[in-house]
Amino acid sequence: MRPIITDADTGRELWRAVDCANHCSISTGSWRTYNSAGRTPAQVSDLGDRMPLWDAEEVKTWHANRPGSPVKNHPTSTRKTR
């Protein structure tokens, strides 16, 4: 079984920090650090004080476009070669 959290109004899947981190192949601590620094998509809701939620599609889009993303076919680095 793989339970998911779905927004009743929009039908969109919502992810916890651990789900976001798993998708991005980073630790949950790294995800939380990025979020604290304002480097992740905005939280869309929460389940109580200690469980923020993110829109899964926004996280997927953010991950595909973030600098240094390990996503296949990501645009090449902006570093100049010598």
PDB file of N, CA and C in Angstrom:
ATOM      1  N   MET A   1       0.838  -1.168   0.000  1.00  0.00           N
ATOM      2  CA  MET A   1       0.000   0.000   0.000  1.00  0.00           C
ATOM      3  C   MET A   1       0.893   1.243   0.000  1.00  0.00           C
ATOM      4  N   ARG A   2       0.469   2.255  -0.748  1.00  0.00           N
ATOM      5  CA  ARG A   2       1.199   3.526  -0.820  1.00  0.00           C
ATOM      6  C   ARG A   2       0.202   4.671  -0.634  1.00  0.00           C
ATOM      7  N   PRO A   3      -0.125   5.022   0.611  1.00  0.00           N
ATOM      8  CA  PRO A   3      -1.080   6.106   0.835  1.00  0.00           C
ATOM      9  C   PRO A   3      -0.516   7.441   0.354  1.00  0.00           C
ATOM     10  N   ILE A   4      -1.396   8.304  -0.146  1.00  0.00           N
ATOM     11  CA  ILE A   4      -0.988   9.638  -0.593  1.00  0.00           C
ATOM     12  C   ILE A   4      -1.905  10.680   0.038  1.00  0.00           C
ATOM     13  N   ILE A   5      -1.423  11.910   0.078  1.00  0.00           N
ATOM     14  CA  ILE A   5      -2.212  13.037   0.574  1.00  0.00           C
ATOM     15  C   ILE A   5      -2.683  13.810  -0.649  1.00  0.00           C
ATOM     16  N   THR A   6      -3.986  13.997  -0.756  1.00  0.00           N
ATOM     17  CA  THR A   6      -4.563  14.692  -1.900  1.00  0.00           C
ATOM     18  C   THR A   6      -5.389  15.878  -1.415  1.00  0.00           C
ATOM     19  N   ASP A   7      -5.211  17.039  -2.043  1.00  0.00           N
ATOM     20  CA  ASP A   7      -6.005  18.218  -1.725  1.00  0.00           C
ATOM     21  C   ASP A   7      -7.436  17.980  -2.198  1.00  0.00           C
ATOM     22  N   ALA A   8      -8.396  18.065  -1.297  1.00  0.00           N
ATOM     23  CA  ALA A   8      -9.794  17.799  -1.632  1.00  0.00           C
ATOM     24  C   ALA A   8     -10.359  18.833  -2.603  1.00  0.00           C
ATOM     25  N   ASP A   9      -9.850  20.068  -2.575  1.00  0.00           N
ATOM     26  CA  ASP A   9     -10.363  21.115  -3.460  1.00  0.00           C
ATOM     27  C   ASP A   9      -9.815  21.016  -4.876  1.00  0.00           C
ATOM     28  N   THR A  10      -8.535  20.703  -5.006  1.00  0.00           N
ATOM     29  CA  THR A  10      -7.897  20.721  -6.325  1.00  0.00           C
ATOM     30  C   THR A  10      -7.617  19.338  -6.890  1.00  0.00           C
ATOM     31  N   GLY A  11      -7.589  18.323  -6.027  1.00  0.00           N
ATOM     32  CA  GLY A  11      -7.244  16.976  -6.473  1.00  0.00           C
ATOM     33  C   GLY A  11      -5.752  16.771  -6.666  1.00  0.00           C
ATOM     34  N   ARG A  12      -4.964  17.761  -6.297  1.00  0.00           N
ATOM     35  CA  ARG A  12      -3.512  17.669  -6.484  1.00  0.00           C
ATOM     36  C   ARG A  12      -2.874  16.881  -5.350  1.00  0.00           C
ATOM     37  N   GLU A  13      -1.834  16.117  -5.709  1.00  0.00           N
ATOM     38  CA  GLU A  13      -1.092  15.358  -4.714  1.00  0.00           C
ATOM     39  C   GLU A  13      -0.189  16.300  -3.926  1.00  0.00           C
ATOM     40  N   LEU A  14      -0.149  16.110  -2.617  1.00  0.00           N
ATOM     41  CA  LEU A  14       0.690  16.912  -1.735  1.00  0.00           C
ATOM     42  C   LEU A  14       1.753  16.018  -1.117  1.00  0.00           C
ATOM     43  N   TRP A  15       2.962  16.567  -0.973  1.00  0.00           N
ATOM     44  CA  TRP A  15       4.085  15.801  -0.436  1.00  0.00           C
ATOM     45  C   TRP A  15       4.561  16.386   0.875  1.00  0.00           C
ATOM     46  N   ARG A  16       4.972  15.490   1.776  1.00  0.00           N
ATOM     47  CA  ARG A  16       5.658  15.871   3.007  1.00  0.00           C
ATOM     48  C   ARG A  16       7.125  16.149   2.661  1.00  0.00           C
ATOM     49  N   ALA A  17       7.874  16.677   3.617  1.00  0.00           N
ATOM     50  CA  ALA A  17       9.297  16.959   3.384  1.00  0.00           C
ATOM     51  C   ALA A  17      10.044  15.704   2.959  1.00  0.00           C
ATOM     52  N   VAL A  18       9.747  14.575   3.590  1.00  0.00           N
ATOM     53  CA  VAL A  18      10.439  13.328   3.248  1.00  0.00           C
ATOM     54  C   VAL A  18      10.142  12.907   1.810  1.00  0.00           C
ATOM     55  N   ASP A  19       8.919  13.142   1.335  1.00  0.00           N
ATOM     56  CA  ASP A  19       8.568  12.806  -0.049  1.00  0.00           C
ATOM     57  C   ASP A  19       9.323  13.700  -1.030  1.00  0.00           C
ATOM     58  N   CYS A  20       9.394  14.994  -0.710  1.00  0.00           N
ATOM     59  CA  CYS A  20      10.135  15.937  -1.560  1.00  0.00           C
ATOM     60  C   CYS A  20      11.609  15.548  -1.624  1.00  0.00           C
ATOM     61  N   ALA A  21      12.178  15.253  -0.467  1.00  0.00           N
ATOM     62  CA  ALA A  21      13.592  14.876  -0.405  1.00  0.00           C
ATOM     63  C   ALA A  21      13.854  13.599  -1.189  1.00  0.00           C
ATOM     64  N   ASN A  22      12.997  12.609  -1.030  1.00  0.00           N
ATOM     65  CA  ASN A  22      13.170  11.354  -1.768  1.00  0.00           C
ATOM     66  C   ASN A  22      13.132  11.589  -3.271  1.00  0.00           C
ATOM     67  N   HIS A  23      12.199  12.417  -3.731  1.00  0.00           N
ATOM     68  CA  HIS A  23      12.105  12.696  -5.166  1.00  0.00           C
ATOM     69  C   HIS A  23      13.382  13.363  -5.676  1.00  0.00           C
ATOM     70  N   CYS A  24      13.962  14.236  -4.868  1.00  0.00           N
ATOM     71  CA  CYS A  24      15.154  14.986  -5.271  1.00  0.00           C
ATOM     72  C   CYS A  24      16.455  14.246  -4.972  1.00  0.00           C
ATOM     73  N   SER A  25      16.355  13.060  -4.401  1.00  0.00           N
ATOM     74  CA  SER A  25      17.535  12.256  -4.032  1.00  0.00           C
ATOM     75  C   SER A  25      18.473  13.009  -3.093  1.00  0.00           C
ATOM     76  N   ILE A  26      17.874  13.688  -2.118  1.00  0.00           N
ATOM     77  CA  ILE A  26      18.634  14.378  -1.082  1.00  0.00           C
ATOM     78  C   ILE A  26      18.084  13.946   0.273  1.00  0.00           C
ATOM     79  N   SER A  27      18.782  14.288   1.334  1.00  0.00           N
ATOM     80  CA  SER A  27      18.293  13.947   2.666  1.00  0.00           C
ATOM     81  C   SER A  27      17.155  14.888   3.058  1.00  0.00           C
ATOM     82  N   THR A  28      16.339  14.429   3.987  1.00  0.00           N
ATOM     83  CA  THR A  28      15.259  15.275   4.490  1.00  0.00           C
ATOM     84  C   THR A  28      15.838  16.528   5.139  1.00  0.00           C
ATOM     85  N   GLY A  29      16.979  16.388   5.815  1.00  0.00           N
ATOM     86  CA  GLY A  29      17.639  17.544   6.416  1.00  0.00           C
ATOM     87  C   GLY A  29      18.046  18.580   5.382  1.00  0.00           C
ATOM     88  N   SER A  30      18.537  18.111   4.235  1.00  0.00           N
ATOM     89  CA  SER A  30      18.901  19.042   3.152  1.00  0.00           C
ATOM     90  C   SER A  30      17.666  19.751   2.625  1.00  0.00           C
ATOM     91  N   TRP A  31      16.574  19.011   2.445  1.00  0.00           N
ATOM     92  CA  TRP A  31      15.326  19.637   1.977  1.00  0.00           C
ATOM     93  C   TRP A  31      14.891  20.723   2.955  1.00  0.00           C
ATOM     94  N   ARG A  32      14.925  20.414   4.239  1.00  0.00           N
ATOM     95  CA  ARG A  32      14.503  21.385   5.254  1.00  0.00           C
ATOM     96  C   ARG A  32      15.426  22.613   5.262  1.00  0.00           C
ATOM     97  N   THR A  33      16.718  22.399   5.049  1.00  0.00           N
ATOM     98  CA  THR A  33      17.661  23.515   4.975  1.00  0.00           C
ATOM     99  C   THR A  33      17.357  24.387   3.763  1.00  0.00           C
ATOM    100  N   TYR A  34      17.147  23.769   2.603  1.00  0.00           N
ATOM    101  CA  TYR A  34      16.786  24.531   1.402  1.00  0.00           C
ATOM    102  C   TYR A  34      15.506  25.324   1.647  1.00  0.00           C
ATOM    103  N   ASN A  35      14.524  24.684   2.282  1.00  0.00           N
ATOM    104  CA  ASN A  35      13.253  25.347   2.536  1.00  0.00           C
ATOM    105  C   ASN A  35      13.431  26.538   3.478  1.00  0.00           C
ATOM    106  N   SER A  36      14.211  26.360   4.536  1.00  0.00           N
ATOM    107  CA  SER A  36      14.459  27.453   5.488  1.00  0.00           C
ATOM    108  C   SER A  36      15.138  28.638   4.817  1.00  0.00           C
ATOM    109  N   ALA A  37      15.939  28.353   3.798  1.00  0.00           N
ATOM    110  CA  ALA A  37      16.650  29.409   3.068  1.00  0.00           C
ATOM    111  C   ALA A  37      15.811  29.983   1.925  1.00  0.00           C
ATOM    112  N   GLY A  38      14.577  29.501   1.757  1.00  0.00           N
ATOM    113  CA  GLY A  38      13.708  30.009   0.697  1.00  0.00           C
ATOM    114  C   GLY A  38      14.067  29.498  -0.683  1.00  0.00           C
ATOM    115  N   ARG A  39      14.714  28.330  -0.754  1.00  0.00           N
ATOM    116  CA  ARG A  39      15.182  27.809  -2.039  1.00  0.00           C
ATOM    117  C   ARG A  39      14.289  26.715  -2.614  1.00  0.00           C
ATOM    118  N   THR A  40      13.156  26.435  -1.983  1.00  0.00           N
ATOM    119  CA  THR A  40      12.225  25.423  -2.484  1.00  0.00           C
ATOM    120  C   THR A  40      10.923  26.100  -2.879  1.00  0.00           C
ATOM    121  N   PRO A  41      10.039  25.377  -3.559  1.00  0.00           N
ATOM    122  CA  PRO A  41       8.712  25.950  -3.790  1.00  0.00           C
ATOM    123  C   PRO A  41       8.047  26.261  -2.445  1.00  0.00           C
ATOM    124  N   ALA A  42       7.105  27.170  -2.465  1.00  0.00           N
ATOM    125  CA  ALA A  42       6.391  27.535  -1.241  1.00  0.00           C
ATOM    126  C   ALA A  42       5.517  26.377  -0.760  1.00  0.00           C
ATOM    127  N   GLN A  43       5.414  26.248   0.541  1.00  0.00           N
ATOM    128  CA  GLN A  43       4.507  25.267   1.117  1.00  0.00           C
ATOM    129  C   GLN A  43       3.079  25.668   0.758  1.00  0.00           C
ATOM    130  N   VAL A  44       2.230  24.684   0.486  1.00  0.00           N
ATOM    131  CA  VAL A  44       0.849  24.993   0.122  1.00  0.00           C
ATOM    132  C   VAL A  44      -0.126  24.750   1.259  1.00  0.00           C
ATOM    133  N   SER A  45       0.275  23.957   2.240  1.00  0.00           N
ATOM    134  CA  SER A  45      -0.595  23.655   3.370  1.00  0.00           C
ATOM    135  C   SER A  45       0.230  22.963   4.445  1.00  0.00           C
ATOM    136  N   ASP A  46      -0.448  22.482   5.459  1.00  0.00           N
ATOM    137  CA  ASP A  46       0.225  21.692   6.488  1.00  0.00           C
ATOM    138  C   ASP A  46      -0.792  20.805   7.188  1.00  0.00           C
ATOM    139  N   LEU A  47      -0.270  19.783   7.832  1.00  0.00           N
ATOM    140  CA  LEU A  47      -1.072  18.910   8.689  1.00  0.00           C
ATOM    141  C   LEU A  47      -0.566  19.125  10.108  1.00  0.00           C
ATOM    142  N   GLY A  48      -1.030  20.172  10.731  1.00  0.00           N
ATOM    143  CA  GLY A  48      -0.550  20.508  12.061  1.00  0.00           C
ATOM    144  C   GLY A  48       0.707  21.354  11.995  1.00  0.00           C
ATOM    145  N   ASP A  49       1.256  21.617  13.173  1.00  0.00           N
ATOM    146  CA  ASP A  49       2.410  22.514  13.272  1.00  0.00           C
ATOM    147  C   ASP A  49       3.700  21.936  12.713  1.00  0.00           C
ATOM    148  N   ARG A  50       3.807  20.611  12.649  1.00  0.00           N
ATOM    149  CA  ARG A  50       5.096  20.014  12.311  1.00  0.00           C
ATOM    150  C   ARG A  50       5.098  19.224  11.006  1.00  0.00           C
ATOM    151  N   MET A  51       4.085  19.407  10.158  1.00  0.00           N
ATOM    152  CA  MET A  51       4.079  18.673   8.897  1.00  0.00           C
ATOM    153  C   MET A  51       3.652  19.577   7.737  1.00  0.00           C
ATOM    154  N   PRO A  52       4.597  20.381   7.214  1.00  0.00           N
ATOM    155  CA  PRO A  52       4.290  21.200   6.042  1.00  0.00           C
ATOM    156  C   PRO A  52       4.099  20.310   4.816  1.00  0.00           C
ATOM    157  N   LEU A  53       3.331  20.812   3.863  1.00  0.00           N
ATOM    158  CA  LEU A  53       3.048  20.068   2.634  1.00  0.00           C
ATOM    159  C   LEU A  53       3.356  20.931   1.422  1.00  0.00           C
ATOM    160  N   TRP A  54       3.847  20.278   0.360  1.00  0.00           N
ATOM    161  CA  TRP A  54       4.164  20.940  -0.897  1.00  0.00           C
ATOM    162  C   TRP A  54       3.383  20.285  -2.019  1.00  0.00           C
ATOM    163  N   ASP A  55       3.065  21.058  -3.049  1.00  0.00           N
ATOM    164  CA  ASP A  55       2.426  20.529  -4.246  1.00  0.00           C
ATOM    165  C   ASP A  55       3.448  19.676  -4.992  1.00  0.00           C
ATOM    166  N   ALA A  56       3.125  18.414  -5.210  1.00  0.00           N
ATOM    167  CA  ALA A  56       4.064  17.474  -5.832  1.00  0.00           C
ATOM    168  C   ALA A  56       4.520  17.953  -7.210  1.00  0.00           C
ATOM    169  N   GLU A  57       3.618  18.487  -8.015  1.00  0.00           N
ATOM    170  CA  GLU A  57       3.993  18.939  -9.362  1.00  0.00           C
ATOM    171  C   GLU A  57       4.938  20.134  -9.304  1.00  0.00           C
ATOM    172  N   GLU A  58       4.729  21.030  -8.342  1.00  0.00           N
ATOM    173  CA  GLU A  58       5.640  22.170  -8.192  1.00  0.00           C
ATOM    174  C   GLU A  58       7.036  21.697  -7.803  1.00  0.00           C
ATOM    175  N   VAL A  59       7.107  20.690  -6.933  1.00  0.00           N
ATOM    176  CA  VAL A  59       8.406  20.154  -6.522  1.00  0.00           C
ATOM    177  C   VAL A  59       9.092  19.485  -7.705  1.00  0.00           C
ATOM    178  N   LYS A  60       8.346  18.732  -8.496  1.00  0.00           N
ATOM    179  CA  LYS A  60       8.930  18.066  -9.672  1.00  0.00           C
ATOM    180  C   LYS A  60       9.493  19.093 -10.650  1.00  0.00           C
ATOM    181  N   THR A  61       8.743  20.155 -10.897  1.00  0.00           N
ATOM    182  CA  THR A  61       9.195  21.207 -11.811  1.00  0.00           C
ATOM    183  C   THR A  61      10.424  21.914 -11.248  1.00  0.00           C
ATOM    184  N   TRP A  62      10.392  22.242  -9.967  1.00  0.00           N
ATOM    185  CA  TRP A  62      11.529  22.890  -9.320  1.00  0.00           C
ATOM    186  C   TRP A  62      12.774  22.021  -9.431  1.00  0.00           C
ATOM    187  N   HIS A  63      12.633  20.749  -9.139  1.00  0.00           N
ATOM    188  CA  HIS A  63      13.774  19.834  -9.169  1.00  0.00           C
ATOM    189  C   HIS A  63      14.355  19.719 -10.579  1.00  0.00           C
ATOM    190  N   ALA A  64      13.505  19.650 -11.580  1.00  0.00           N
ATOM    191  CA  ALA A  64      13.974  19.511 -12.964  1.00  0.00           C
ATOM    192  C   ALA A  64      14.742  20.742 -13.433  1.00  0.00           C
ATOM    193  N   ASN A  65      14.474  21.888 -12.817  1.00  0.00           N
ATOM    194  CA  ASN A  65      15.083  23.140 -13.270  1.00  0.00           C
ATOM    195  C   ASN A  65      16.108  23.726 -12.317  1.00  0.00           C
ATOM    196  N   ARG A  66      16.343  23.091 -11.189  1.00  0.00           N
ATOM    197  CA  ARG A  66      17.264  23.693 -10.220  1.00  0.00           C
ATOM    198  C   ARG A  66      18.715  23.508 -10.652  1.00  0.00           C
ATOM    199  N   PRO A  67      19.561  24.483 -10.367  1.00  0.00           N
ATOM    200  CA  PRO A  67      20.978  24.356 -10.702  1.00  0.00           C
ATOM    201  C   PRO A  67      21.590  23.145  -9.997  1.00  0.00           C
ATOM    202  N   GLY A  68      22.373  22.394 -10.736  1.00  0.00           N
ATOM    203  CA  GLY A  68      23.019  21.224 -10.166  1.00  0.00           C
ATOM    204  C   GLY A  68      22.122  20.013 -10.056  1.00  0.00           C
ATOM    205  N   SER A  69      20.918  20.106 -10.604  1.00  0.00           N
ATOM    206  CA  SER A  69      19.987  18.987 -10.527  1.00  0.00           C
ATOM    207  C   SER A  69      20.541  17.789 -11.278  1.00  0.00           C
ATOM    208  N   PRO A  70      20.443  16.605 -10.681  1.00  0.00           N
ATOM    209  CA  PRO A  70      20.938  15.406 -11.360  1.00  0.00           C
ATOM    210  C   PRO A  70      19.954  14.832 -12.378  1.00  0.00           C
ATOM    211  N   VAL A  71      18.989  15.637 -12.799  1.00  0.00           N
ATOM    212  CA  VAL A  71      17.992  15.166 -13.747  1.00  0.00           C
ATOM    213  C   VAL A  71      18.631  14.996 -15.117  1.00  0.00           C
ATOM    214  N   LYS A  72      18.353  13.875 -15.775  1.00  0.00           N
ATOM    215  CA  LYS A  72      18.886  13.637 -17.118  1.00  0.00           C
ATOM    216  C   LYS A  72      18.415  14.736 -18.061  1.00  0.00           C
ATOM    217  N   ASN A  73      19.280  15.095 -18.998  1.00  0.00           N
ATOM    218  CA  ASN A  73      19.002  16.105 -20.021  1.00  0.00           C
ATOM    219  C   ASN A  73      18.828  17.508 -19.449  1.00  0.00           C
ATOM    220  N   HIS A  74      19.293  17.728 -18.213  1.00  0.00           N
ATOM    221  CA  HIS A  74      19.249  19.071 -17.642  1.00  0.00           C
ATOM    222  C   HIS A  74      20.215  19.944 -18.433  1.00  0.00           C
ATOM    223  N   PRO A  75      19.882  21.219 -18.682  1.00  0.00           N
ATOM    224  CA  PRO A  75      20.812  22.093 -19.414  1.00  0.00           C
ATOM    225  C   PRO A  75      22.195  22.069 -18.770  1.00  0.00           C
ATOM    226  N   THR A  76      23.201  22.222 -19.588  1.00  0.00           N
ATOM    227  CA  THR A  76      24.575  22.138 -19.093  1.00  0.00           C
ATOM    228  C   THR A  76      24.883  23.270 -18.134  1.00  0.00           C
ATOM    229  N   SER A  77      25.918  23.075 -17.375  1.00  0.00           N
ATOM    230  CA  SER A  77      26.355  24.052 -16.388  1.00  0.00           C
ATOM    231  C   SER A  77      26.744  25.354 -17.075  1.00  0.00           C
ATOM    232  N   THR A  78      26.649  26.449 -16.324  1.00  0.00           N
ATOM    233  CA  THR A  78      27.046  27.751 -16.874  1.00  0.00           C
ATOM    234  C   THR A  78      28.526  28.019 -16.653  1.00  0.00           C
ATOM    235  N   ARG A  79      29.235  27.071 -16.005  1.00  0.00           N
ATOM    236  CA  ARG A  79      30.672  27.252 -15.802  1.00  0.00           C
ATOM    237  C   ARG A  79      31.395  27.239 -17.144  1.00  0.00           C
ATOM    238  N   LYS A  80      32.378  28.111 -17.257  1.00  0.00           N
ATOM    239  CA  LYS A  80      33.162  28.171 -18.491  1.00  0.00           C
ATOM    240  C   LYS A  80      34.262  27.125 -18.450  1.00  0.00           C
ATOM    241  N   THR A  81      34.483  26.498 -19.581  1.00  0.00           N
ATOM    242  CA  THR A  81      35.576  25.527 -19.670  1.00  0.00           C
ATOM    243  C   THR A  81      36.830  26.246 -20.116  1.00  0.00           C
ATOM    244  N   ARG A  82      37.968  25.695 -19.753  1.00  0.00           N
ATOM    245  CA  ARG A  82      39.239  26.338 -20.113  1.00  0.00           C
ATOM    246  C   ARG A  82      39.800  25.752 -21.361  1.00  0.00           C
TER     247      ARG A  82
END
